[in-house]
mmCIF file of all heavy atoms, coordinates in Angstrom:
data_MODEL
# 
_entry.id   MODEL 
# 
loop_
_atom_site.group_PDB 
_atom_site.id 
_atom_site.type_symbol 
_atom_site.label_atom_id 
_atom_site.label_alt_id 
_atom_site.label_comp_id 
_atom_site.label_asym_id 
_atom_site.label_entity_id 
_atom_site.label_seq_id 
_atom_site.pdbx_PDB_ins_code 
_atom_site.Cartn_x 
_atom_site.Cartn_y 
_atom_site.Cartn_z 
_atom_site.occupancy 
_atom_site.B_iso_or_equiv 
_atom_site.pdbx_formal_charge 
_atom_site.auth_seq_id 
_atom_site.auth_comp_id 
_atom_site.auth_asym_id 
_atom_site.auth_atom_id 
_atom_site.pdbx_PDB_model_num 
ATOM 1   N N   . LYS A 1 1  ? -1.785 -113.977 157.159 1.00 0.00 ? 1  LYS A N   1 
ATOM 2   C CA  . LYS A 1 1  ? -2.834 -112.953 157.183 1.00 0.00 ? 1  LYS A CA  1 
ATOM 3   C C   . LYS A 1 1  ? -2.281 -111.624 157.680 1.00 0.00 ? 1  LYS A C   1 
ATOM 4   O O   . LYS A 1 1  ? -2.594 -110.553 157.148 1.00 0.00 ? 1  LYS A O   1 
ATOM 5   C CB  . LYS A 1 1  ? -3.992 -113.402 158.081 1.00 0.00 ? 1  LYS A CB  1 
ATOM 6   C CG  . LYS A 1 1  ? -4.832 -114.530 157.512 1.00 0.00 ? 1  LYS A CG  1 
ATOM 7   C CD  . LYS A 1 1  ? -6.004 -114.835 158.434 1.00 0.00 ? 1  LYS A CD  1 
ATOM 8   C CE  . LYS A 1 1  ? -6.871 -115.951 157.882 1.00 0.00 ? 1  LYS A CE  1 
ATOM 9   N NZ  . LYS A 1 1  ? -8.023 -116.261 158.779 1.00 0.00 ? 1  LYS A NZ  1 
ATOM 10  N N   . ILE A 1 2  ? -1.462 -111.694 158.719 1.00 0.00 ? 2  ILE A N   1 
ATOM 11  C CA  . ILE A 1 2  ? -0.891 -110.484 159.304 1.00 0.00 ? 2  ILE A CA  1 
ATOM 12  C C   . ILE A 1 2  ? -0.006 -109.764 158.291 1.00 0.00 ? 2  ILE A C   1 
ATOM 13  O O   . ILE A 1 2  ? -0.047 -108.538 158.161 1.00 0.00 ? 2  ILE A O   1 
ATOM 14  C CB  . ILE A 1 2  ? -0.100 -110.826 160.586 1.00 0.00 ? 2  ILE A CB  1 
ATOM 15  C CG1 . ILE A 1 2  ? -1.078 -111.200 161.711 1.00 0.00 ? 2  ILE A CG1 1 
ATOM 16  C CG2 . ILE A 1 2  ? 0.780  -109.650 161.022 1.00 0.00 ? 2  ILE A CG2 1 
ATOM 17  C CD1 . ILE A 1 2  ? -0.404 -111.713 162.972 1.00 0.00 ? 2  ILE A CD1 1 
ATOM 18  N N   . GLU A 1 3  ? 0.787  -110.508 157.557 1.00 0.00 ? 3  GLU A N   1 
ATOM 19  C CA  . GLU A 1 3  ? 1.653  -109.908 156.535 1.00 0.00 ? 3  GLU A CA  1 
ATOM 20  C C   . GLU A 1 3  ? 0.825  -109.201 155.465 1.00 0.00 ? 3  GLU A C   1 
ATOM 21  O O   . GLU A 1 3  ? 1.171  -108.106 155.010 1.00 0.00 ? 3  GLU A O   1 
ATOM 22  C CB  . GLU A 1 3  ? 2.538  -110.975 155.906 1.00 0.00 ? 3  GLU A CB  1 
ATOM 23  C CG  . GLU A 1 3  ? 3.651  -111.474 156.822 1.00 0.00 ? 3  GLU A CG  1 
ATOM 24  C CD  . GLU A 1 3  ? 4.466  -112.602 156.201 1.00 0.00 ? 3  GLU A CD  1 
ATOM 25  O OE1 . GLU A 1 3  ? 4.096  -113.045 155.089 1.00 0.00 ? 3  GLU A OE1 1 
ATOM 26  O OE2 . GLU A 1 3  ? 5.443  -113.038 156.823 1.00 0.00 ? 3  GLU A OE2 1 
ATOM 27  N N   . LYS A 1 4  ? -0.289 -109.815 155.098 1.00 0.00 ? 4  LYS A N   1 
ATOM 28  C CA  . LYS A 1 4  ? -1.164 -109.226 154.094 1.00 0.00 ? 4  LYS A CA  1 
ATOM 29  C C   . LYS A 1 4  ? -1.797 -107.937 154.616 1.00 0.00 ? 4  LYS A C   1 
ATOM 30  O O   . LYS A 1 4  ? -1.836 -106.916 153.906 1.00 0.00 ? 4  LYS A O   1 
ATOM 31  C CB  . LYS A 1 4  ? -2.267 -110.231 153.720 1.00 0.00 ? 4  LYS A CB  1 
ATOM 32  C CG  . LYS A 1 4  ? -3.256 -109.723 152.682 1.00 0.00 ? 4  LYS A CG  1 
ATOM 33  C CD  . LYS A 1 4  ? -4.324 -110.771 152.402 1.00 0.00 ? 4  LYS A CD  1 
ATOM 34  C CE  . LYS A 1 4  ? -5.365 -110.250 151.415 1.00 0.00 ? 4  LYS A CE  1 
ATOM 35  N NZ  . LYS A 1 4  ? -6.443 -111.240 151.170 1.00 0.00 ? 4  LYS A NZ  1 
ATOM 36  N N   . ILE A 1 5  ? -2.264 -107.969 155.850 1.00 0.00 ? 5  ILE A N   1 
ATOM 37  C CA  . ILE A 1 5  ? -2.899 -106.784 156.438 1.00 0.00 ? 5  ILE A CA  1 
ATOM 38  C C   . ILE A 1 5  ? -1.884 -105.661 156.624 1.00 0.00 ? 5  ILE A C   1 
ATOM 39  O O   . ILE A 1 5  ? -2.165 -104.494 156.328 1.00 0.00 ? 5  ILE A O   1 
ATOM 40  C CB  . ILE A 1 5  ? -3.562 -107.133 157.787 1.00 0.00 ? 5  ILE A CB  1 
ATOM 41  C CG1 . ILE A 1 5  ? -4.700 -108.134 157.565 1.00 0.00 ? 5  ILE A CG1 1 
ATOM 42  C CG2 . ILE A 1 5  ? -4.102 -105.880 158.469 1.00 0.00 ? 5  ILE A CG2 1 
ATOM 43  C CD1 . ILE A 1 5  ? -5.252 -108.728 158.845 1.00 0.00 ? 5  ILE A CD1 1 
ATOM 44  N N   . CYS A 1 6  ? -0.694 -105.993 157.110 1.00 0.00 ? 6  CYS A N   1 
ATOM 45  C CA  . CYS A 1 6  ? 0.333  -104.974 157.342 1.00 0.00 ? 6  CYS A CA  1 
ATOM 46  C C   . CYS A 1 6  ? 0.766  -104.320 156.033 1.00 0.00 ? 6  CYS A C   1 
ATOM 47  O O   . CYS A 1 6  ? 0.993  -103.104 155.993 1.00 0.00 ? 6  CYS A O   1 
ATOM 48  C CB  . CYS A 1 6  ? 1.537  -105.573 158.060 1.00 0.00 ? 6  CYS A CB  1 
ATOM 49  S SG  . CYS A 1 6  ? 1.249  -105.889 159.821 1.00 0.00 ? 6  CYS A SG  1 
ATOM 50  N N   . ALA A 1 7  ? 0.874  -105.100 154.974 1.00 0.00 ? 7  ALA A N   1 
ATOM 51  C CA  . ALA A 1 7  ? 1.231  -104.542 153.669 1.00 0.00 ? 7  ALA A CA  1 
ATOM 52  C C   . ALA A 1 7  ? 0.152  -103.564 153.205 1.00 0.00 ? 7  ALA A C   1 
ATOM 53  O O   . ALA A 1 7  ? 0.449  -102.488 152.671 1.00 0.00 ? 7  ALA A O   1 
ATOM 54  C CB  . ALA A 1 7  ? 1.408  -105.658 152.642 1.00 0.00 ? 7  ALA A CB  1 
ATOM 55  N N   . TYR A 1 8  ? -1.109 -103.936 153.421 1.00 0.00 ? 8  TYR A N   1 
ATOM 56  C CA  . TYR A 1 8  ? -2.225 -103.060 153.068 1.00 0.00 ? 8  TYR A CA  1 
ATOM 57  C C   . TYR A 1 8  ? -2.188 -101.777 153.904 1.00 0.00 ? 8  TYR A C   1 
ATOM 58  O O   . TYR A 1 8  ? -2.346 -100.663 153.372 1.00 0.00 ? 8  TYR A O   1 
ATOM 59  C CB  . TYR A 1 8  ? -3.552 -103.787 153.293 1.00 0.00 ? 8  TYR A CB  1 
ATOM 60  C CG  . TYR A 1 8  ? -4.750 -102.868 153.290 1.00 0.00 ? 8  TYR A CG  1 
ATOM 61  C CD1 . TYR A 1 8  ? -5.327 -102.453 152.097 1.00 0.00 ? 8  TYR A CD1 1 
ATOM 62  C CD2 . TYR A 1 8  ? -5.289 -102.403 154.481 1.00 0.00 ? 8  TYR A CD2 1 
ATOM 63  C CE1 . TYR A 1 8  ? -6.417 -101.601 152.090 1.00 0.00 ? 8  TYR A CE1 1 
ATOM 64  C CE2 . TYR A 1 8  ? -6.374 -101.545 154.490 1.00 0.00 ? 8  TYR A CE2 1 
ATOM 65  C CZ  . TYR A 1 8  ? -6.938 -101.145 153.292 1.00 0.00 ? 8  TYR A CZ  1 
ATOM 66  O OH  . TYR A 1 8  ? -7.999 -100.285 153.292 1.00 0.00 ? 8  TYR A OH  1 
ATOM 67  N N   . LEU A 1 9  ? -1.986 -101.909 155.206 1.00 0.00 ? 9  LEU A N   1 
ATOM 68  C CA  . LEU A 1 9  ? -1.956 -100.749 156.090 1.00 0.00 ? 9  LEU A CA  1 
ATOM 69  C C   . LEU A 1 9  ? -0.807 -99.810  155.741 1.00 0.00 ? 9  LEU A C   1 
ATOM 70  O O   . LEU A 1 9  ? -0.945 -98.587  155.830 1.00 0.00 ? 9  LEU A O   1 
ATOM 71  C CB  . LEU A 1 9  ? -1.853 -101.200 157.546 1.00 0.00 ? 9  LEU A CB  1 
ATOM 72  C CG  . LEU A 1 9  ? -3.102 -101.863 158.140 1.00 0.00 ? 9  LEU A CG  1 
ATOM 73  C CD1 . LEU A 1 9  ? -2.793 -102.459 159.509 1.00 0.00 ? 9  LEU A CD1 1 
ATOM 74  C CD2 . LEU A 1 9  ? -4.255 -100.867 158.237 1.00 0.00 ? 9  LEU A CD2 1 
ATOM 75  N N   . GLN A 1 10 ? 0.330  -100.370 155.359 1.00 0.00 ? 10 GLN A N   1 
ATOM 76  C CA  . GLN A 1 10 ? 1.466  -99.547  154.961 1.00 0.00 ? 10 GLN A CA  1 
ATOM 77  C C   . GLN A 1 10 ? 1.144  -98.754  153.691 1.00 0.00 ? 10 GLN A C   1 
ATOM 78  O O   . GLN A 1 10 ? 1.469  -97.566  153.585 1.00 0.00 ? 10 GLN A O   1 
ATOM 79  C CB  . GLN A 1 10 ? 2.695  -100.430 154.735 1.00 0.00 ? 10 GLN A CB  1 
ATOM 80  C CG  . GLN A 1 10 ? 3.308  -100.962 156.026 1.00 0.00 ? 10 GLN A CG  1 
ATOM 81  C CD  . GLN A 1 10 ? 4.382  -102.013 155.771 1.00 0.00 ? 10 GLN A CD  1 
ATOM 82  O OE1 . GLN A 1 10 ? 4.649  -102.395 154.628 1.00 0.00 ? 10 GLN A OE1 1 
ATOM 83  N NE2 . GLN A 1 10 ? 4.995  -102.491 156.835 1.00 0.00 ? 10 GLN A NE2 1 
ATOM 84  N N   . GLU A 1 11 ? 0.501  -99.415  152.737 1.00 0.00 ? 11 GLU A N   1 
ATOM 85  C CA  . GLU A 1 11 ? 0.106  -98.726  151.504 1.00 0.00 ? 11 GLU A CA  1 
ATOM 86  C C   . GLU A 1 11 ? -0.884 -97.608  151.810 1.00 0.00 ? 11 GLU A C   1 
ATOM 87  O O   . GLU A 1 11 ? -0.775 -96.496  151.275 1.00 0.00 ? 11 GLU A O   1 
ATOM 88  C CB  . GLU A 1 11 ? -0.509 -99.714  150.511 1.00 0.00 ? 11 GLU A CB  1 
ATOM 89  C CG  . GLU A 1 11 ? -0.917 -99.064  149.187 1.00 0.00 ? 11 GLU A CG  1 
ATOM 90  C CD  . GLU A 1 11 ? -1.679 -100.002 148.271 1.00 0.00 ? 11 GLU A CD  1 
ATOM 91  O OE1 . GLU A 1 11 ? -2.227 -101.012 148.757 1.00 0.00 ? 11 GLU A OE1 1 
ATOM 92  O OE2 . GLU A 1 11 ? -1.737 -99.704  147.060 1.00 0.00 ? 11 GLU A OE2 1 
ATOM 93  N N   . LEU A 1 12 ? -1.841 -97.883  152.681 1.00 0.00 ? 12 LEU A N   1 
ATOM 94  C CA  . LEU A 1 12 ? -2.830 -96.885  153.053 1.00 0.00 ? 12 LEU A CA  1 
ATOM 95  C C   . LEU A 1 12 ? -2.169 -95.706  153.763 1.00 0.00 ? 12 LEU A C   1 
ATOM 96  O O   . LEU A 1 12 ? -2.497 -94.547  153.502 1.00 0.00 ? 12 LEU A O   1 
ATOM 97  C CB  . LEU A 1 12 ? -3.896 -97.518  153.955 1.00 0.00 ? 12 LEU A CB  1 
ATOM 98  C CG  . LEU A 1 12 ? -4.979 -96.583  154.510 1.00 0.00 ? 12 LEU A CG  1 
ATOM 99  C CD1 . LEU A 1 12 ? -5.722 -95.890  153.374 1.00 0.00 ? 12 LEU A CD1 1 
ATOM 100 C CD2 . LEU A 1 12 ? -5.954 -97.364  155.390 1.00 0.00 ? 12 LEU A CD2 1 
ATOM 101 N N   . GLN A 1 13 ? -1.230 -95.990  154.638 1.00 0.00 ? 13 GLN A N   1 
ATOM 102 C CA  . GLN A 1 13 ? -0.543 -94.935  155.381 1.00 0.00 ? 13 GLN A CA  1 
ATOM 103 C C   . GLN A 1 13 ? 0.271  -94.033  154.449 1.00 0.00 ? 13 GLN A C   1 
ATOM 104 O O   . GLN A 1 13 ? 0.215  -92.800  154.563 1.00 0.00 ? 13 GLN A O   1 
ATOM 105 C CB  . GLN A 1 13 ? 0.371  -95.551  156.438 1.00 0.00 ? 13 GLN A CB  1 
ATOM 106 C CG  . GLN A 1 13 ? 1.075  -94.521  157.321 1.00 0.00 ? 13 GLN A CG  1 
ATOM 107 C CD  . GLN A 1 13 ? 1.885  -95.184  158.421 1.00 0.00 ? 13 GLN A CD  1 
ATOM 108 O OE1 . GLN A 1 13 ? 2.323  -96.328  158.291 1.00 0.00 ? 13 GLN A OE1 1 
ATOM 109 N NE2 . GLN A 1 13 ? 2.064  -94.479  159.526 1.00 0.00 ? 13 GLN A NE2 1 
ATOM 110 N N   . ILE A 1 14 ? 1.011  -94.635  153.545 1.00 0.00 ? 14 ILE A N   1 
ATOM 111 C CA  . ILE A 1 14 ? 1.814  -93.861  152.590 1.00 0.00 ? 14 ILE A CA  1 
ATOM 112 C C   . ILE A 1 14 ? 0.912  -92.967  151.735 1.00 0.00 ? 14 ILE A C   1 
ATOM 113 O O   . ILE A 1 14 ? 1.189  -91.784  151.509 1.00 0.00 ? 14 ILE A O   1 
ATOM 114 C CB  . ILE A 1 14 ? 2.641  -94.801  151.695 1.00 0.00 ? 14 ILE A CB  1 
ATOM 115 C CG1 . ILE A 1 14 ? 3.748  -95.472  152.523 1.00 0.00 ? 14 ILE A CG1 1 
ATOM 116 C CG2 . ILE A 1 14 ? 3.248  -94.042  150.517 1.00 0.00 ? 14 ILE A CG2 1 
ATOM 117 C CD1 . ILE A 1 14 ? 4.450  -96.610  151.803 1.00 0.00 ? 14 ILE A CD1 1 
ATOM 118 N N   . THR A 1 15 ? -0.191 -93.532  151.271 1.00 0.00 ? 15 THR A N   1 
ATOM 119 C CA  . THR A 1 15 ? -1.125 -92.794  150.427 1.00 0.00 ? 15 THR A CA  1 
ATOM 120 C C   . THR A 1 15 ? -1.793 -91.669  151.213 1.00 0.00 ? 15 THR A C   1 
ATOM 121 O O   . THR A 1 15 ? -1.952 -90.547  150.704 1.00 0.00 ? 15 THR A O   1 
ATOM 122 C CB  . THR A 1 15 ? -2.197 -93.736  149.856 1.00 0.00 ? 15 THR A CB  1 
ATOM 123 O OG1 . THR A 1 15 ? -1.558 -94.810  149.157 1.00 0.00 ? 15 THR A OG1 1 
ATOM 124 C CG2 . THR A 1 15 ? -3.122 -93.007  148.902 1.00 0.00 ? 15 THR A CG2 1 
ATOM 125 N N   . ALA A 1 16 ? -2.191 -91.947  152.449 1.00 0.00 ? 16 ALA A N   1 
ATOM 126 C CA  . ALA A 1 16 ? -2.837 -90.936  153.289 1.00 0.00 ? 16 ALA A CA  1 
ATOM 127 C C   . ALA A 1 16 ? -1.899 -89.770  153.560 1.00 0.00 ? 16 ALA A C   1 
ATOM 128 O O   . ALA A 1 16 ? -2.310 -88.598  153.515 1.00 0.00 ? 16 ALA A O   1 
ATOM 129 C CB  . ALA A 1 16 ? -3.295 -91.564  154.605 1.00 0.00 ? 16 ALA A CB  1 
ATOM 130 N N   . ASN A 1 17 ? -0.637 -90.058  153.843 1.00 0.00 ? 17 ASN A N   1 
ATOM 131 C CA  . ASN A 1 17 ? 0.327  -88.997  154.125 1.00 0.00 ? 17 ASN A CA  1 
ATOM 132 C C   . ASN A 1 17 ? 0.597  -88.146  152.885 1.00 0.00 ? 17 ASN A C   1 
ATOM 133 O O   . ASN A 1 17 ? 0.741  -86.924  152.968 1.00 0.00 ? 17 ASN A O   1 
ATOM 134 C CB  . ASN A 1 17 ? 1.631  -89.588  154.657 1.00 0.00 ? 17 ASN A CB  1 
ATOM 135 C CG  . ASN A 1 17 ? 1.493  -90.087  156.090 1.00 0.00 ? 17 ASN A CG  1 
ATOM 136 O OD1 . ASN A 1 17 ? 0.663  -89.611  156.845 1.00 0.00 ? 17 ASN A OD1 1 
ATOM 137 N ND2 . ASN A 1 17 ? 2.310  -91.068  156.461 1.00 0.00 ? 17 ASN A ND2 1 
ATOM 138 N N   . LYS A 1 18 ? 0.656  -88.807  151.739 1.00 0.00 ? 18 LYS A N   1 
ATOM 139 C CA  . LYS A 1 18 ? 0.846  -88.073  150.481 1.00 0.00 ? 18 LYS A CA  1 
ATOM 140 C C   . LYS A 1 18 ? -0.351 -87.155  150.229 1.00 0.00 ? 18 LYS A C   1 
ATOM 141 O O   . LYS A 1 18 ? -0.170 -85.993  149.811 1.00 0.00 ? 18 LYS A O   1 
ATOM 142 C CB  . LYS A 1 18 ? 1.008  -89.078  149.340 1.00 0.00 ? 18 LYS A CB  1 
ATOM 143 C CG  . LYS A 1 18 ? 1.169  -88.454  147.964 1.00 0.00 ? 18 LYS A CG  1 
ATOM 144 C CD  . LYS A 1 18 ? 1.503  -89.508  146.903 1.00 0.00 ? 18 LYS A CD  1 
ATOM 145 C CE  . LYS A 1 18 ? 0.387  -90.511  146.737 1.00 0.00 ? 18 LYS A CE  1 
ATOM 146 N NZ  . LYS A 1 18 ? 0.664  -91.473  145.619 1.00 0.00 ? 18 LYS A NZ  1 
ATOM 147 N N   . TYR A 1 19 ? -1.552 -87.660  150.495 1.00 0.00 ? 19 TYR A N   1 
ATOM 148 C CA  . TYR A 1 19 ? -2.749 -86.852  150.269 1.00 0.00 ? 19 TYR A CA  1 
ATOM 149 C C   . TYR A 1 19 ? -2.848 -85.733  151.295 1.00 0.00 ? 19 TYR A C   1 
ATOM 150 O O   . TYR A 1 19 ? -3.282 -84.618  150.966 1.00 0.00 ? 19 TYR A O   1 
ATOM 151 C CB  . TYR A 1 19 ? -3.991 -87.737  150.313 1.00 0.00 ? 19 TYR A CB  1 
ATOM 152 C CG  . TYR A 1 19 ? -5.183 -87.116  149.616 1.00 0.00 ? 19 TYR A CG  1 
ATOM 153 C CD1 . TYR A 1 19 ? -5.090 -86.713  148.287 1.00 0.00 ? 19 TYR A CD1 1 
ATOM 154 C CD2 . TYR A 1 19 ? -6.393 -86.946  150.273 1.00 0.00 ? 19 TYR A CD2 1 
ATOM 155 C CE1 . TYR A 1 19 ? -6.167 -86.146  147.629 1.00 0.00 ? 19 TYR A CE1 1 
ATOM 156 C CE2 . TYR A 1 19 ? -7.477 -86.383  149.637 1.00 0.00 ? 19 TYR A CE2 1 
ATOM 157 C CZ  . TYR A 1 19 ? -7.368 -85.979  148.313 1.00 0.00 ? 19 TYR A CZ  1 
ATOM 158 O OH  . TYR A 1 19 ? -8.432 -85.413  147.670 1.00 0.00 ? 19 TYR A OH  1 
ATOM 159 N N   . TYR A 1 20 ? -2.456 -86.019  152.522 1.00 0.00 ? 20 TYR A N   1 
ATOM 160 C CA  . TYR A 1 20 ? -2.456 -84.987  153.570 1.00 0.00 ? 20 TYR A CA  1 
ATOM 161 C C   . TYR A 1 20 ? -1.596 -83.802  153.132 1.00 0.00 ? 20 TYR A C   1 
ATOM 162 O O   . TYR A 1 20 ? -2.003 -82.637  153.272 1.00 0.00 ? 20 TYR A O   1 
ATOM 163 C CB  . TYR A 1 20 ? -1.923 -85.560  154.884 1.00 0.00 ? 20 TYR A CB  1 
ATOM 164 C CG  . TYR A 1 20 ? -1.819 -84.536  156.001 1.00 0.00 ? 20 TYR A CG  1 
ATOM 165 C CD1 . TYR A 1 20 ? -2.878 -84.348  156.895 1.00 0.00 ? 20 TYR A CD1 1 
ATOM 166 C CD2 . TYR A 1 20 ? -0.667 -83.760  156.152 1.00 0.00 ? 20 TYR A CD2 1 
ATOM 167 C CE1 . TYR A 1 20 ? -2.783 -83.406  157.903 1.00 0.00 ? 20 TYR A CE1 1 
ATOM 168 C CE2 . TYR A 1 20 ? -0.576 -82.819  157.156 1.00 0.00 ? 20 TYR A CE2 1 
ATOM 169 C CZ  . TYR A 1 20 ? -1.628 -82.638  158.033 1.00 0.00 ? 20 TYR A CZ  1 
ATOM 170 O OH  . TYR A 1 20 ? -1.534 -81.695  159.029 1.00 0.00 ? 20 TYR A OH  1 
ATOM 171 N N   . ASP A 1 21 ? -0.410 -84.085  152.620 1.00 0.00 ? 21 ASP A N   1 
ATOM 172 C CA  . ASP A 1 21 ? 0.496  -83.018  152.184 1.00 0.00 ? 21 ASP A CA  1 
ATOM 173 C C   . ASP A 1 21 ? -0.147 -82.171  151.094 1.00 0.00 ? 21 ASP A C   1 
ATOM 174 O O   . ASP A 1 21 ? -0.017 -80.935  151.085 1.00 0.00 ? 21 ASP A O   1 
ATOM 175 C CB  . ASP A 1 21 ? 1.807  -83.617  151.673 1.00 0.00 ? 21 ASP A CB  1 
ATOM 176 C CG  . ASP A 1 21 ? 2.654  -84.221  152.785 1.00 0.00 ? 21 ASP A CG  1 
ATOM 177 O OD1 . ASP A 1 21 ? 2.419  -83.888  153.969 1.00 0.00 ? 21 ASP A OD1 1 
ATOM 178 O OD2 . ASP A 1 21 ? 3.549  -85.046  152.474 1.00 0.00 ? 21 ASP A OD2 1 
ATOM 179 N N   . SER A 1 22 ? -0.835 -82.807  150.156 1.00 0.00 ? 22 SER A N   1 
ATOM 180 C CA  . SER A 1 22 ? -1.477 -82.075  149.063 1.00 0.00 ? 22 SER A CA  1 
ATOM 181 C C   . SER A 1 22 ? -2.632 -81.222  149.569 1.00 0.00 ? 22 SER A C   1 
ATOM 182 O O   . SER A 1 22 ? -2.753 -80.039  149.216 1.00 0.00 ? 22 SER A O   1 
ATOM 183 C CB  . SER A 1 22 ? -1.976 -83.059  148.000 1.00 0.00 ? 22 SER A CB  1 
ATOM 184 O OG  . SER A 1 22 ? -2.589 -82.369  146.929 1.00 0.00 ? 22 SER A OG  1 
ATOM 185 N N   . VAL A 1 23 ? -3.492 -81.807  150.397 1.00 0.00 ? 23 VAL A N   1 
ATOM 186 C CA  . VAL A 1 23 ? -4.632 -81.061  150.944 1.00 0.00 ? 23 VAL A CA  1 
ATOM 187 C C   . VAL A 1 23 ? -4.151 -79.891  151.797 1.00 0.00 ? 23 VAL A C   1 
ATOM 188 O O   . VAL A 1 23 ? -4.694 -78.779  151.722 1.00 0.00 ? 23 VAL A O   1 
ATOM 189 C CB  . VAL A 1 23 ? -5.542 -81.996  151.771 1.00 0.00 ? 23 VAL A CB  1 
ATOM 190 C CG1 . VAL A 1 23 ? -6.623 -81.195  152.498 1.00 0.00 ? 23 VAL A CG1 1 
ATOM 191 C CG2 . VAL A 1 23 ? -6.189 -83.050  150.880 1.00 0.00 ? 23 VAL A CG2 1 
ATOM 192 N N   . ALA A 1 24 ? -3.125 -80.123  152.614 1.00 0.00 ? 24 ALA A N   1 
ATOM 193 C CA  . ALA A 1 24 ? -2.589 -79.064  153.469 1.00 0.00 ? 24 ALA A CA  1 
ATOM 194 C C   . ALA A 1 24 ? -2.004 -77.934  152.627 1.00 0.00 ? 24 ALA A C   1 
ATOM 195 O O   . ALA A 1 24 ? -2.157 -76.741  152.967 1.00 0.00 ? 24 ALA A O   1 
ATOM 196 C CB  . ALA A 1 24 ? -1.522 -79.636  154.404 1.00 0.00 ? 24 ALA A CB  1 
ATOM 197 N N   . MET A 1 25 ? -1.345 -78.270  151.530 1.00 0.00 ? 25 MET A N   1 
ATOM 198 C CA  . MET A 1 25 ? -0.769 -77.255  150.639 1.00 0.00 ? 25 MET A CA  1 
ATOM 199 C C   . MET A 1 25 ? -1.866 -76.387  150.037 1.00 0.00 ? 25 MET A C   1 
ATOM 200 O O   . MET A 1 25 ? -1.778 -75.150  150.024 1.00 0.00 ? 25 MET A O   1 
ATOM 201 C CB  . MET A 1 25 ? 0.045  -77.948  149.544 1.00 0.00 ? 25 MET A CB  1 
ATOM 202 C CG  . MET A 1 25 ? 0.673  -77.001  148.520 1.00 0.00 ? 25 MET A CG  1 
ATOM 203 S SD  . MET A 1 25 ? -0.411 -76.641  147.098 1.00 0.00 ? 25 MET A SD  1 
ATOM 204 C CE  . MET A 1 25 ? -0.486 -78.254  146.307 1.00 0.00 ? 25 MET A CE  1 
ATOM 205 N N   . VAL A 1 26 ? -2.937 -77.025  149.537 1.00 0.00 ? 26 VAL A N   1 
ATOM 206 C CA  . VAL A 1 26 ? -4.052 -76.273  148.954 1.00 0.00 ? 26 VAL A CA  1 
ATOM 207 C C   . VAL A 1 26 ? -4.731 -75.429  150.027 1.00 0.00 ? 26 VAL A C   1 
ATOM 208 O O   . VAL A 1 26 ? -5.114 -74.271  149.782 1.00 0.00 ? 26 VAL A O   1 
ATOM 209 C CB  . VAL A 1 26 ? -5.071 -77.227  148.296 1.00 0.00 ? 26 VAL A CB  1 
ATOM 210 C CG1 . VAL A 1 26 ? -6.281 -76.445  147.779 1.00 0.00 ? 26 VAL A CG1 1 
ATOM 211 C CG2 . VAL A 1 26 ? -4.426 -78.010  147.160 1.00 0.00 ? 26 VAL A CG2 1 
ATOM 212 N N   . ASN A 1 27 ? -4.855 -75.957  151.231 1.00 0.00 ? 27 ASN A N   1 
ATOM 213 C CA  . ASN A 1 27 ? -5.486 -75.220  152.316 1.00 0.00 ? 27 ASN A CA  1 
ATOM 214 C C   . ASN A 1 27 ? -4.675 -73.978  152.689 1.00 0.00 ? 27 ASN A C   1 
ATOM 215 O O   . ASN A 1 27 ? -5.249 -72.921  152.997 1.00 0.00 ? 27 ASN A O   1 
ATOM 216 C CB  . ASN A 1 27 ? -5.643 -76.126  153.539 1.00 0.00 ? 27 ASN A CB  1 
ATOM 217 C CG  . ASN A 1 27 ? -6.435 -75.470  154.654 1.00 0.00 ? 27 ASN A CG  1 
ATOM 218 O OD1 . ASN A 1 27 ? -7.476 -74.860  154.414 1.00 0.00 ? 27 ASN A OD1 1 
ATOM 219 N ND2 . ASN A 1 27 ? -5.947 -75.590  155.880 1.00 0.00 ? 27 ASN A ND2 1 
ATOM 220 N N   . ASP A 1 28 ? -3.360 -74.096  152.676 1.00 0.00 ? 28 ASP A N   1 
ATOM 221 C CA  . ASP A 1 28 ? -2.510 -72.937  152.972 1.00 0.00 ? 28 ASP A CA  1 
ATOM 222 C C   . ASP A 1 28 ? -2.736 -71.831  151.941 1.00 0.00 ? 28 ASP A C   1 
ATOM 223 O O   . ASP A 1 28 ? -2.811 -70.637  152.284 1.00 0.00 ? 28 ASP A O   1 
ATOM 224 C CB  . ASP A 1 28 ? -1.034 -73.337  152.982 1.00 0.00 ? 28 ASP A CB  1 
ATOM 225 C CG  . ASP A 1 28 ? -0.652 -74.134  154.218 1.00 0.00 ? 28 ASP A CG  1 
ATOM 226 O OD1 . ASP A 1 28 ? -1.405 -74.095  155.216 1.00 0.00 ? 28 ASP A OD1 1 
ATOM 227 O OD2 . ASP A 1 28 ? 0.395  -74.817  154.188 1.00 0.00 ? 28 ASP A OD2 1 
# 
């Protein structure tokens, strides 16, 4: 279960950081 959750959290983190960069660029 932990491996499944950690894989999900890693995917979410990577996606969130990618989106943060895009939103921050547009905001600038």
